[in-house]
Amino acid sequence: MKKLLIPFEETGYFSKVVLDYLSESPALKPFYVLPPKLSSFPFAIELKKKNYQHRDILPAILLKQHARLMLDKNIESVIENINSLESPNTFTVTTAHQPNLFLGPLYTIYKAITTILITQKLNETYRDQHFVPVFWLGSEDHDKEELNHIHLFGKTFTWNTAQSGAFGRMSTSSLRPWVQELKDKLGEGPVAVELSQALDDAYVKERTIAAATRKFLYHFFADDGLVVVDGDDAALKRLFLPVLEKEITEQYSFRIVNRSNEKFAIHYENQISPREINLFYLDEGIRERLVREDDGFKVLNTSMTFSREQLLKLLHDSPEKFSPNVILRPVYQETILPDVAVVGGGAEVTYWLQLKPLMEEMQMPFPLVFLRNSVLWIDAQQSTRIQRLQLSPEDLFNSADDIINKFVEQQSGDLISLEEQMLRVSAAFDDAMKPMMLIDPTLKGPFEAEKTRTLKGLEMLEERLRKAAKRRDETAVMQIRNLREKLFPSNSLQERHDNFMSIYSRTGRSFLDELKSALDPFDRMFTVLVEE
């Protein structure tokens, strides 16, 4: 593999707040404690060590979540890491994501690997502590339209299920034909057999999407000790009870985050907006917002209403029926885990920064916030085409039209440029204007107008020459457009669109090995990997 590093600001795909965060702009300093550097971890470790209190119970809860997998020798490293959480010297680095079908876009893989690589570096550097990579599964998310499809082999596969509510709780029973269609697309060969078996083990044998997602993640990352934590858990919610109760009785997060947003909006666009109550009511087939109504509470889009006393009783009897939204989900994670760092994409980094005042108000340590690694993977065939077109991988971050214009200019050079001729014409008009001004100065206006018309005509001729050159190079132009669309689908980053199986089905485990070898979560650069 050939590795290229491109500054994030040169890609054109990252927001100002992310770029300013990576460059440690003074405008963002109030929204984080320390920058995401290796040297920042001793402070984060000591802060979490003084403010974490669930070591006596967390391992037991997580082992219970893994009860059905305990006999699987492939997850021994996972179980060891779960047990290690009892130690006061064990800390976590966590990334979070919803249970997209078949792990969704490529960046899910990159989030997991970034998290694993950070913990590996920490374990090498700070040998008196132990660090565990965690994948927090946002299985309570109910945005079915976002989670129920993948883009693979140039086709969109969509699971049209009538189920509703938390996506992670949905039954996998109707997925079998869909899984079979995917397996047929994978074809034959050792990698296809491996993927087919993994799909069956996860999405056919497991009963829910959450369980299937955990199983699928473990197929690829169990050996790395990645611990998958499902937040949809009554025992974990019980540890979160004080925050849930405070939200119901005081609606405190609305006030604090709004105040934070006002300061944030001085320089940047807000990523999150709080509700008066930042909780959902969660039950089988339903996840709807809790709202204030008169002197009580109501579950939107239902007939359910509660008095304050009734809602608090339900909270203490059944905390699993309360689900945090984007404002409180990070607070939930930081309550449960001994996190020293979190990993997310650009949008996640932004909303974590906006939540620092909320966590400070709750006297909760704010973790180091890492931007996950971003990757453009160029296969060998695409690399050969790029070379034949005399382009560079960096060129591909420009628009298709800009790439094509550069290519045409390289191929045709001065043949399609009338710049020299326009300079000569302009100079000729200027020379002719000098004696004309001595004879009749009133002719200057018509003279200038004629000069403008002539130069405009030459510009139009130049554009016709450019179009003619593009027609002459029509095959190459089409190849550029197709190449750009495959690597940047719908003008988006590859990692936000394609499913990882598009690469893994060709390369097998070497795909993951190459990523682990090439990526560095501390380099703050966009990575281009080119097959050779």
Protein backbone atom coordinates (compact mmCIF):
# COMPACT_ATOMS: atom_id res chain seq x y z
CA MET A 1 0.00 0.00 0.00
CA LYS A 2 1.07 3.54 -0.69
CA LYS A 3 0.13 6.04 2.02
CA LEU A 4 -0.50 9.74 1.47
CA LEU A 5 -1.39 12.25 4.17
CA ILE A 6 -3.45 15.33 3.30
CA PRO A 7 -4.21 18.18 5.72
CA PHE A 8 -7.90 18.11 6.60
CA GLU A 9 -8.33 21.71 5.48
CA GLU A 10 -7.16 20.80 1.96
CA THR A 11 -9.85 18.16 1.46
CA GLY A 12 -12.78 20.59 1.47
CA TYR A 13 -14.91 18.15 3.48
CA PHE A 14 -14.50 19.32 7.08
CA SER A 15 -16.23 22.11 8.96
CA LYS A 16 -14.58 25.23 10.34
CA VAL A 17 -15.15 24.10 13.92
CA VAL A 18 -13.33 20.80 13.31
CA LEU A 19 -10.43 22.53 11.56
CA ASP A 20 -10.19 25.10 14.34
CA TYR A 21 -10.28 22.35 16.96
CA LEU A 22 -7.41 20.49 15.29
CA SER A 23 -5.38 23.71 15.02
CA GLU A 24 -6.20 24.57 18.66
CA SER A 25 -7.83 27.88 17.81
CA PRO A 26 -8.27 30.16 20.86
CA ALA A 27 -11.98 30.53 20.03
CA LEU A 28 -12.57 26.89 21.01
CA LYS A 29 -10.41 26.73 24.14
CA PRO A 30 -13.42 27.25 26.48
CA PHE A 31 -15.06 24.12 25.06
CA TYR A 32 -12.50 21.48 25.99
CA VAL A 33 -10.07 20.80 28.81
CA LEU A 34 -6.98 19.58 26.94
CA PRO A 35 -6.20 18.92 23.27
CA PRO A 36 -6.22 15.32 21.95
CA LYS A 37 -2.52 14.61 22.43
CA LEU A 38 -0.63 11.78 24.08
CA SER A 39 0.79 14.21 26.63
CA SER A 40 -2.75 15.13 27.78
CA PHE A 41 -3.57 11.67 29.12
CA PRO A 42 -1.90 11.81 32.56
CA PHE A 43 -4.21 14.68 33.54
CA ALA A 44 -7.27 12.89 32.10
CA ILE A 45 -6.34 9.69 33.95
CA GLU A 46 -6.01 11.40 37.32
CA LEU A 47 -9.25 13.32 36.82
CA LYS A 48 -11.22 10.18 36.00
CA LYS A 49 -9.58 8.18 38.78
CA LYS A 50 -10.91 10.68 41.33
CA ASN A 51 -14.41 10.85 39.85
CA TYR A 52 -15.44 7.33 38.86
CA GLN A 53 -17.44 5.04 41.13
CA HIS A 54 -18.92 2.04 39.28
CA ARG A 55 -15.99 -0.41 39.15
CA ASP A 56 -17.69 -2.73 41.62
CA ILE A 57 -20.73 -3.27 39.39
CA LEU A 58 -19.88 -2.44 35.76
CA PRO A 59 -18.00 -5.68 34.91
CA ALA A 60 -20.89 -7.82 36.18
CA ILE A 61 -23.39 -5.89 34.04
CA LEU A 62 -21.23 -6.21 30.93
CA LEU A 63 -20.58 -9.91 31.54
CA LYS A 64 -24.34 -10.39 31.73
CA GLN A 65 -24.70 -8.62 28.38
CA HIS A 66 -22.20 -11.14 27.02
CA ALA A 67 -23.76 -14.21 28.64
CA ARG A 68 -24.75 -15.83 25.33
CA LEU A 69 -21.24 -15.32 23.96
CA MET A 70 -19.24 -16.50 26.97
CA LEU A 71 -18.48 -19.92 25.51
CA ASP A 72 -17.02 -18.35 22.37
CA LYS A 73 -13.24 -18.60 22.68
CA ASN A 74 -12.90 -15.89 20.04
CA ILE A 75 -13.90 -13.23 22.56
CA GLU A 76 -11.44 -14.15 25.31
CA SER A 77 -9.67 -10.81 24.91
CA VAL A 78 -13.02 -9.03 25.26
CA ILE A 79 -13.85 -10.86 28.50
CA GLU A 80 -10.38 -10.15 29.88
CA ASN A 81 -10.88 -6.45 29.19
CA ILE A 82 -14.31 -6.47 30.83
CA ASN A 83 -12.89 -8.10 33.96
CA SER A 84 -10.03 -5.60 34.02
CA LEU A 85 -12.53 -2.78 34.59
CA GLU A 86 -12.60 -3.74 38.27
CA SER A 87 -9.08 -2.36 38.62
CA PRO A 88 -8.69 1.32 39.63
CA ASN A 89 -5.94 1.55 37.02
CA THR A 90 -8.12 0.54 34.06
CA PHE A 91 -9.64 3.21 31.82
CA THR A 92 -11.63 3.24 28.61
CA VAL A 93 -11.45 4.99 25.24
CA THR A 94 -14.88 4.94 23.65
CA THR A 95 -16.45 5.45 20.28
CA ALA A 96 -20.21 5.31 19.79
CA HIS A 97 -22.45 4.52 16.88
CA GLN A 98 -25.94 3.34 16.05
CA PRO A 99 -26.48 -0.30 14.99
CA ASN A 100 -26.53 0.38 11.25
CA LEU A 101 -27.24 -2.77 9.27
CA PHE A 102 -24.01 -4.61 8.47
CA LEU A 103 -22.06 -1.80 10.18
CA GLY A 104 -23.29 0.82 7.71
CA PRO A 105 -20.78 3.13 6.00
CA LEU A 106 -17.02 2.59 6.11
CA TYR A 107 -16.47 5.16 8.83
CA THR A 108 -17.91 2.73 11.39
CA ILE A 109 -14.86 0.55 10.80
CA TYR A 110 -12.57 3.58 10.99
CA LYS A 111 -14.11 4.63 14.32
CA ALA A 112 -13.49 1.20 15.80
CA ILE A 113 -9.90 1.03 14.53
CA THR A 114 -9.08 4.57 15.68
CA THR A 115 -10.28 3.64 19.16
CA ILE A 116 -8.27 0.40 19.18
CA LEU A 117 -5.11 2.19 18.00
CA ILE A 118 -5.39 4.87 20.70
CA THR A 119 -5.62 2.23 23.43
CA GLN A 120 -2.68 0.31 21.97
CA LYS A 121 -0.56 3.47 22.04
CA LEU A 122 -1.67 4.23 25.58
CA ASN A 123 -0.88 0.71 26.78
CA GLU A 124 2.60 1.03 25.27
CA THR A 125 3.18 4.47 26.81
CA TYR A 126 1.54 4.32 30.24
CA ARG A 127 2.38 0.85 31.47
CA ASP A 128 1.10 1.39 35.00
CA GLN A 129 -2.45 1.65 33.65
CA HIS A 130 -4.54 -0.49 31.35
CA PHE A 131 -6.71 0.93 28.57
CA VAL A 132 -9.74 -0.77 27.02
CA PRO A 133 -11.27 0.12 23.65
CA VAL A 134 -15.07 0.40 23.83
CA PHE A 135 -17.73 0.57 21.13
CA TRP A 136 -20.88 2.07 22.69
CA LEU A 137 -23.81 0.71 20.72
CA GLY A 138 -26.54 3.34 20.36
CA SER A 139 -29.18 0.66 19.96
CA GLU A 140 -32.01 2.89 21.18
CA ASP A 141 -31.85 5.07 18.07
CA HIS A 142 -35.18 4.95 16.23
CA ASP A 143 -34.23 6.63 12.93
CA LYS A 144 -35.01 3.57 10.83
CA GLU A 145 -34.59 5.35 7.49
CA GLU A 146 -30.99 6.18 8.37
CA LEU A 147 -30.08 2.73 9.66
CA ASN A 148 -31.90 0.22 7.45
CA HIS A 149 -29.77 0.27 4.29
CA ILE A 150 -26.25 -0.05 2.93
CA HIS A 151 -24.52 0.88 -0.33
CA LEU A 152 -22.60 -2.08 -1.72
CA PHE A 153 -21.37 -3.11 -5.17
CA GLY A 154 -23.05 -0.08 -6.76
CA LYS A 155 -26.45 -0.97 -5.33
CA THR A 156 -28.48 0.22 -2.35
CA PHE A 157 -29.81 -2.65 -0.22
CA THR A 158 -32.75 -1.55 1.93
CA TRP A 159 -34.52 -3.55 4.64
CA ASN A 160 -38.16 -2.53 4.45
CA THR A 161 -39.54 -3.61 7.81
CA ALA A 162 -42.76 -2.47 9.40
CA GLN A 163 -41.20 -2.64 12.87
CA SER A 164 -40.90 0.60 14.83
CA GLY A 165 -39.25 1.89 17.97
CA ALA A 166 -35.62 1.34 18.96
CA PHE A 167 -33.75 -0.05 15.98
CA GLY A 168 -31.54 -2.28 18.12
CA ARG A 169 -34.58 -4.08 19.53
CA MET A 170 -35.98 -4.97 16.10
CA SER A 171 -36.21 -8.65 15.24
CA THR A 172 -33.84 -10.04 12.62
CA SER A 173 -36.33 -12.72 11.55
CA SER A 174 -37.31 -11.00 8.29
CA LEU A 175 -33.67 -10.36 7.32
CA ARG A 176 -32.94 -13.87 6.06
CA PRO A 177 -33.84 -13.30 2.38
CA TRP A 178 -31.91 -10.05 2.48
CA VAL A 179 -28.85 -11.77 3.96
CA GLN A 180 -29.09 -14.46 1.30
CA GLU A 181 -29.12 -11.81 -1.44
CA LEU A 182 -25.96 -10.30 0.02
CA LYS A 183 -24.28 -13.69 0.19
CA ASP A 184 -25.15 -14.31 -3.46
CA LYS A 185 -23.53 -11.00 -4.37
CA LEU A 186 -20.36 -11.93 -2.50
CA GLY A 187 -19.80 -14.87 -4.81
CA GLU A 188 -17.36 -17.67 -4.02
CA GLY A 189 -13.88 -18.00 -2.60
CA PRO A 190 -12.42 -18.08 0.94
CA VAL A 191 -13.27 -14.44 1.78
CA ALA A 192 -16.82 -14.83 0.49
CA VAL A 193 -17.25 -17.95 2.60
CA GLU A 194 -15.90 -16.15 5.68
CA LEU A 195 -18.22 -13.15 5.21
CA SER A 196 -21.22 -15.37 4.48
CA GLN A 197 -20.65 -17.33 7.69
CA ALA A 198 -20.23 -14.11 9.68
CA LEU A 199 -23.47 -12.73 8.23
CA ASP A 200 -25.32 -15.93 9.15
CA ASP A 201 -23.87 -16.03 12.66
CA ALA A 202 -24.87 -12.44 13.31
CA TYR A 203 -27.99 -11.57 11.36
CA VAL A 204 -29.65 -14.98 11.07
CA LYS A 205 -28.77 -16.67 14.37
CA GLU A 206 -29.05 -13.61 16.64
CA ARG A 207 -32.56 -12.45 17.51
CA THR A 208 -32.18 -8.66 17.54
CA ILE A 209 -30.31 -6.05 15.54
CA ALA A 210 -28.32 -5.03 18.62
CA ALA A 211 -27.16 -8.60 19.29
CA ALA A 212 -26.39 -9.10 15.60
CA THR A 213 -24.35 -5.90 15.43
CA ARG A 214 -22.31 -6.89 18.49
CA LYS A 215 -21.67 -10.35 16.98
CA PHE A 216 -20.66 -8.88 13.63
CA LEU A 217 -18.28 -6.39 15.27
CA TYR A 218 -16.70 -9.18 17.29
CA HIS A 219 -16.06 -11.22 14.16
CA PHE A 220 -13.62 -8.50 13.07
CA PHE A 221 -12.42 -6.91 16.31
CA ALA A 222 -12.72 -9.39 19.19
CA ASP A 223 -9.01 -10.20 19.01
CA ASP A 224 -8.31 -6.51 19.60
CA GLY A 225 -10.28 -6.63 22.85
CA LEU A 226 -12.90 -4.16 21.63
CA VAL A 227 -15.76 -4.25 24.17
CA VAL A 228 -19.21 -3.60 22.73
CA VAL A 229 -21.49 -1.98 25.31
CA ASP A 230 -25.24 -1.81 24.68
CA GLY A 231 -26.72 1.24 26.39
CA ASP A 232 -30.22 -0.24 26.23
CA ASP A 233 -29.82 -1.98 29.58
CA ALA A 234 -31.93 -1.62 32.74
CA ALA A 235 -28.94 -2.15 35.05
CA LEU A 236 -26.90 0.54 33.31
CA LYS A 237 -29.88 2.91 33.33
CA ARG A 238 -30.18 2.38 37.09
CA LEU A 239 -26.66 3.76 37.48
CA PHE A 240 -27.87 6.79 35.51
CA LEU A 241 -30.90 7.38 37.75
CA PRO A 242 -29.65 10.57 39.46
CA VAL A 243 -29.19 12.31 36.11
CA LEU A 244 -32.53 11.05 34.77
CA GLU A 245 -34.35 12.25 37.87
CA LYS A 246 -32.68 15.66 37.75
CA GLU A 247 -33.69 16.02 34.10
CA ILE A 248 -37.33 15.25 34.89
CA THR A 249 -37.58 17.43 37.97
CA GLU A 250 -35.46 20.41 36.91
CA GLN A 251 -35.02 20.24 33.12
CA TYR A 252 -31.49 21.39 33.89
CA SER A 253 -29.77 20.42 30.63
CA PHE A 254 -32.02 22.74 28.57
CA ARG A 255 -30.82 25.81 30.46
CA ILE A 256 -27.14 24.86 30.55
CA VAL A 257 -26.79 23.76 26.92
CA ASN A 258 -28.70 26.79 25.66
CA ARG A 259 -26.26 29.00 27.51
CA SER A 260 -23.36 27.04 26.02
CA ASN A 261 -24.89 27.33 22.54
CA GLU A 262 -25.10 31.11 22.81
CA LYS A 263 -21.35 31.29 23.40
CA PHE A 264 -20.59 28.66 20.77
CA ALA A 265 -22.69 30.46 18.14
CA ILE A 266 -20.50 33.57 18.37
CA HIS A 267 -18.00 31.78 16.12
CA TYR A 268 -19.63 28.56 14.90
CA GLU A 269 -22.87 26.90 13.88
CA ASN A 270 -24.47 24.87 16.67
CA GLN A 271 -24.59 21.13 16.07
CA ILE A 272 -27.21 20.39 18.74
CA SER A 273 -30.26 22.14 20.16
CA PRO A 274 -31.67 21.00 23.51
CA ARG A 275 -35.30 20.21 24.23
CA GLU A 276 -37.01 21.24 27.43
CA ILE A 277 -36.78 17.55 28.40
CA ASN A 278 -34.00 15.63 26.67
CA LEU A 279 -35.48 12.18 27.17
CA PHE A 280 -37.57 9.71 25.21
CA TYR A 281 -40.10 7.24 26.54
CA LEU A 282 -38.91 3.81 25.41
CA ASP A 283 -40.91 0.60 25.17
CA GLU A 284 -41.45 -2.20 22.68
CA GLY A 285 -42.23 -0.63 19.30
CA ILE A 286 -42.07 2.93 20.60
CA ARG A 287 -39.52 5.66 21.29
CA GLU A 288 -41.23 9.02 21.63
CA ARG A 289 -40.31 12.31 23.27
CA LEU A 290 -41.31 13.16 26.80
CA VAL A 291 -42.77 16.68 27.05
CA ARG A 292 -44.26 18.86 29.75
CA GLU A 293 -48.04 19.21 29.67
CA ASP A 294 -49.86 21.43 32.18
CA ASP A 295 -48.72 20.18 35.60
CA GLY A 296 -47.61 16.80 34.31
CA PHE A 297 -45.92 15.01 31.42
CA LYS A 298 -46.98 13.48 28.12
CA VAL A 299 -45.48 11.02 25.67
CA LEU A 300 -45.77 12.62 22.23
CA ASN A 301 -47.87 10.85 19.57
CA THR A 302 -49.52 8.68 22.23
CA SER A 303 -52.33 9.00 24.78
CA MET A 304 -49.93 8.39 27.70
CA THR A 305 -49.79 11.07 30.40
CA PHE A 306 -48.17 11.11 33.85
CA SER A 307 -48.21 13.26 36.92
CA ARG A 308 -44.80 14.21 38.29
CA GLU A 309 -45.11 11.56 41.01
CA GLN A 310 -46.23 8.87 38.56
CA LEU A 311 -43.32 9.57 36.21
CA LEU A 312 -40.75 9.47 39.03
CA LYS A 313 -42.19 6.20 40.29
CA LEU A 314 -41.97 4.73 36.79
CA LEU A 315 -38.39 5.98 36.55
CA HIS A 316 -37.33 4.17 39.73
CA ASP A 317 -39.34 1.03 38.95
CA SER A 318 -38.36 0.80 35.27
CA PRO A 319 -35.41 3.06 34.33
CA GLU A 320 -35.08 1.13 31.06
CA LYS A 321 -38.19 2.98 29.82
CA PHE A 322 -36.24 6.25 29.72
CA SER A 323 -33.89 6.91 26.83
CA PRO A 324 -31.53 9.91 26.54
CA ASN A 325 -31.41 11.95 23.35
CA VAL A 326 -28.24 13.37 21.78
CA ILE A 327 -27.85 15.89 24.61
CA LEU A 328 -27.81 13.33 27.43
CA ARG A 329 -26.47 10.25 25.66
CA PRO A 330 -22.82 11.36 26.07
CA VAL A 331 -23.56 12.17 29.72
CA TYR A 332 -24.96 8.64 30.09
CA GLN A 333 -21.80 7.17 28.55
CA GLU A 334 -19.53 9.23 30.81
CA THR A 335 -21.54 8.21 33.87
CA ILE A 336 -21.20 4.51 33.08
CA LEU A 337 -17.62 4.21 31.77
CA PRO A 338 -14.19 5.21 33.13
CA ASP A 339 -13.54 7.15 29.92
CA VAL A 340 -10.40 9.20 29.47
CA ALA A 341 -11.08 9.84 25.77
CA VAL A 342 -13.84 9.58 23.19
CA VAL A 343 -13.62 9.16 19.41
CA GLY A 344 -16.07 10.55 16.88
CA GLY A 345 -16.60 12.06 13.46
CA GLY A 346 -16.77 15.77 12.75
CA ALA A 347 -20.37 16.22 13.90
CA GLU A 348 -19.72 14.23 17.08
CA VAL A 349 -16.61 16.22 17.93
CA THR A 350 -18.67 19.40 17.60
CA TYR A 351 -21.50 18.35 19.88
CA TRP A 352 -19.11 16.93 22.48
CA LEU A 353 -17.46 20.36 22.66
CA GLN A 354 -20.86 21.99 23.13
CA LEU A 355 -21.59 19.65 26.05
CA LYS A 356 -18.53 20.52 28.14
CA PRO A 357 -20.42 23.12 30.26
CA LEU A 358 -23.14 20.56 30.98
CA MET A 359 -20.64 18.00 32.24
CA GLU A 360 -18.84 20.65 34.28
CA GLU A 361 -22.13 21.62 35.92
CA MET A 362 -22.58 17.99 36.90
CA GLN A 363 -18.99 17.83 38.23
CA MET A 364 -18.24 15.15 35.64
CA PRO A 365 -14.75 14.87 34.09
CA PHE A 366 -14.75 15.95 30.45
CA PRO A 367 -12.82 13.44 28.29
CA LEU A 368 -10.27 14.12 25.61
CA VAL A 369 -12.09 14.30 22.28
CA PHE A 370 -10.45 12.69 19.24
CA LEU A 371 -11.48 13.07 15.62
CA ARG A 372 -11.58 9.58 14.12
CA ASN A 373 -9.25 8.71 11.28
CA SER A 374 -10.62 9.41 7.81
CA VAL A 375 -9.56 7.32 4.83
CA LEU A 376 -9.88 7.31 1.06
CA TRP A 377 -9.16 3.77 -0.16
CA ILE A 378 -8.05 3.57 -3.82
CA ASP A 379 -7.88 0.06 -5.27
CA ALA A 380 -5.26 -1.11 -7.75
CA GLN A 381 -7.50 -0.68 -10.80
CA GLN A 382 -8.44 2.85 -9.79
CA SER A 383 -4.78 3.63 -9.07
CA THR A 384 -3.77 2.48 -12.58
CA ARG A 385 -6.47 4.67 -14.11
CA ILE A 386 -5.34 7.69 -12.08
CA GLN A 387 -1.79 7.21 -13.37
CA ARG A 388 -2.91 6.81 -16.98
CA LEU A 389 -4.88 10.04 -16.70
CA GLN A 390 -1.75 11.75 -15.34
CA LEU A 391 -3.58 12.73 -12.16
CA SER A 392 -2.61 12.46 -8.53
CA PRO A 393 -4.79 11.18 -5.65
CA GLU A 394 -4.77 14.74 -4.26
CA ASP A 395 -6.38 15.98 -7.50
CA LEU A 396 -9.44 13.85 -6.79
CA PHE A 397 -10.49 16.03 -3.85
CA ASN A 398 -11.34 18.76 -6.39
CA SER A 399 -14.64 18.83 -8.26
CA ALA A 400 -15.02 16.68 -11.38
CA ASP A 401 -15.12 19.80 -13.57
CA ASP A 402 -11.90 21.15 -12.06
CA ILE A 403 -10.18 17.79 -12.55
CA ILE A 404 -11.36 17.63 -16.17
CA ASN A 405 -10.23 21.19 -16.90
CA LYS A 406 -6.79 20.40 -15.51
CA PHE A 407 -6.61 17.22 -17.59
CA VAL A 408 -7.66 19.00 -20.81
CA GLU A 409 -5.10 21.74 -20.22
CA GLN A 410 -2.40 19.12 -19.67
CA GLN A 411 -3.34 17.36 -22.90
CA SER A 412 -3.85 20.41 -25.11
CA GLY A 413 -1.66 23.02 -23.48
CA ASP A 414 -1.45 26.28 -25.45
CA LEU A 415 -3.72 24.93 -28.19
CA ILE A 416 -6.86 25.83 -26.22
CA SER A 417 -5.58 29.01 -24.61
CA LEU A 418 -6.11 32.35 -26.35
CA GLU A 419 -4.65 34.31 -23.45
CA GLU A 420 -1.65 35.50 -25.46
CA GLN A 421 -3.86 36.57 -28.35
CA MET A 422 -6.18 38.46 -26.01
CA LEU A 423 -3.22 40.30 -24.50
CA ARG A 424 -2.08 41.30 -28.01
CA VAL A 425 -5.55 42.48 -29.02
CA SER A 426 -5.91 44.46 -25.82
CA ALA A 427 -2.52 46.10 -26.37
CA ALA A 428 -3.45 46.89 -30.02
CA PHE A 429 -6.65 48.62 -28.93
CA ASP A 430 -4.73 50.60 -26.31
CA ASP A 431 -2.14 51.71 -28.89
CA ALA A 432 -4.87 52.75 -31.33
CA MET A 433 -6.67 54.69 -28.62
CA LYS A 434 -3.76 57.13 -28.07
CA PRO A 435 -3.97 59.02 -31.43
CA MET A 436 -7.77 58.70 -31.41
CA MET A 437 -7.92 60.59 -28.11
CA LEU A 438 -5.96 63.47 -29.69
CA ILE A 439 -8.44 63.73 -32.56
CA ASP A 440 -11.81 63.13 -30.80
CA PRO A 441 -11.93 62.19 -27.06
CA THR A 442 -15.66 61.47 -27.32
CA LEU A 443 -14.85 58.28 -29.23
CA LYS A 444 -13.32 56.70 -26.14
CA GLY A 445 -16.62 55.12 -25.01
CA PRO A 446 -17.45 53.38 -28.33
CA PHE A 447 -13.79 52.39 -28.66
CA GLU A 448 -13.77 50.75 -25.22
CA ALA A 449 -17.06 49.00 -26.01
CA GLU A 450 -15.61 47.55 -29.21
CA LYS A 451 -12.53 46.37 -27.30
CA THR A 452 -14.75 44.62 -24.74
CA ARG A 453 -16.82 42.95 -27.50
CA THR A 454 -13.70 41.72 -29.25
CA LEU A 455 -12.15 40.30 -26.09
CA LYS A 456 -15.48 38.71 -25.16
CA GLY A 457 -15.60 37.07 -28.58
CA LEU A 458 -12.12 35.63 -28.04
CA GLU A 459 -13.20 34.31 -24.63
CA MET A 460 -16.16 32.58 -26.27
CA LEU A 461 -13.87 31.10 -28.89
CA GLU A 462 -11.55 29.84 -26.14
CA GLU A 463 -14.47 28.16 -24.41
CA ARG A 464 -15.46 26.51 -27.73
CA LEU A 465 -11.89 25.27 -28.09
CA ARG A 466 -12.04 23.87 -24.56
CA LYS A 467 -15.30 22.07 -25.30
CA ALA A 468 -13.86 20.71 -28.53
CA ALA A 469 -10.86 19.39 -26.62
CA LYS A 470 -13.20 17.72 -24.13
CA ARG A 471 -15.10 16.11 -27.03
CA ARG A 472 -11.83 14.92 -28.48
CA ASP A 473 -10.93 13.46 -25.05
CA GLU A 474 -14.47 12.27 -24.39
CA THR A 475 -13.41 8.81 -23.23
CA ALA A 476 -10.93 10.20 -20.75
CA VAL A 477 -13.42 12.80 -19.51
CA MET A 478 -15.99 10.07 -18.90
CA GLN A 479 -13.36 7.99 -17.07
CA ILE A 480 -12.58 10.96 -14.81
CA ARG A 481 -16.26 11.48 -13.99
CA ASN A 482 -16.79 7.79 -13.27
CA LEU A 483 -13.64 7.59 -11.17
CA ARG A 484 -14.56 10.68 -9.16
CA GLU A 485 -18.10 9.37 -8.57
CA LYS A 486 -16.86 5.98 -7.35
CA LEU A 487 -14.37 7.51 -4.93
CA PHE A 488 -16.62 10.40 -3.88
CA PRO A 489 -20.19 9.09 -4.31
CA SER A 490 -22.69 11.94 -4.74
CA ASN A 491 -19.77 14.30 -4.03
CA SER A 492 -19.46 12.88 -0.52
CA LEU A 493 -16.53 11.10 1.07
CA GLN A 494 -16.27 7.40 0.25
CA GLU A 495 -16.29 6.58 3.97
CA ARG A 496 -19.73 8.17 4.41
CA HIS A 497 -21.36 6.08 1.69
CA ASP A 498 -19.78 2.70 0.88
CA ASN A 499 -20.07 -0.35 3.11
CA PHE A 500 -16.78 -1.96 4.18
CA MET A 501 -17.63 -5.25 2.44
CA SER A 502 -16.99 -3.59 -0.94
CA ILE A 503 -13.28 -3.65 0.00
CA TYR A 504 -13.19 -6.57 2.43
CA SER A 505 -14.76 -8.95 -0.11
CA ARG A 506 -11.63 -8.48 -2.28
CA THR A 507 -8.91 -8.19 0.32
CA GLY A 508 -10.11 -10.12 3.37
CA ARG A 509 -8.39 -9.44 6.69
CA SER A 510 -5.56 -7.58 4.99
CA PHE A 511 -7.97 -4.62 4.72
CA LEU A 512 -8.11 -4.33 8.51
CA ASP A 513 -4.40 -5.08 8.89
CA GLU A 514 -3.48 -2.34 6.41
CA LEU A 515 -5.66 0.17 8.25
CA LYS A 516 -4.15 -0.73 11.62
CA SER A 517 -0.66 -0.43 10.17
CA ALA A 518 -1.22 2.83 8.30
CA LEU A 519 -3.44 4.90 10.57
CA ASP A 520 -2.26 7.10 13.41
CA PRO A 521 -4.99 8.77 15.52
CA PHE A 522 -2.48 11.38 16.69
CA ASP A 523 -1.33 12.68 13.27
CA ARG A 524 -4.40 14.90 12.57
CA MET A 525 -4.25 14.21 8.83
CA PHE A 526 -6.58 12.70 6.22
CA THR A 527 -5.18 9.37 4.99
CA VAL A 528 -5.21 8.15 1.38
CA LEU A 529 -4.32 4.49 0.94
CA VAL A 530 -3.50 3.30 -2.56
CA GLU A 531 -3.25 -0.35 -3.55
CA GLU A 532 -0.17 -1.13 -5.61
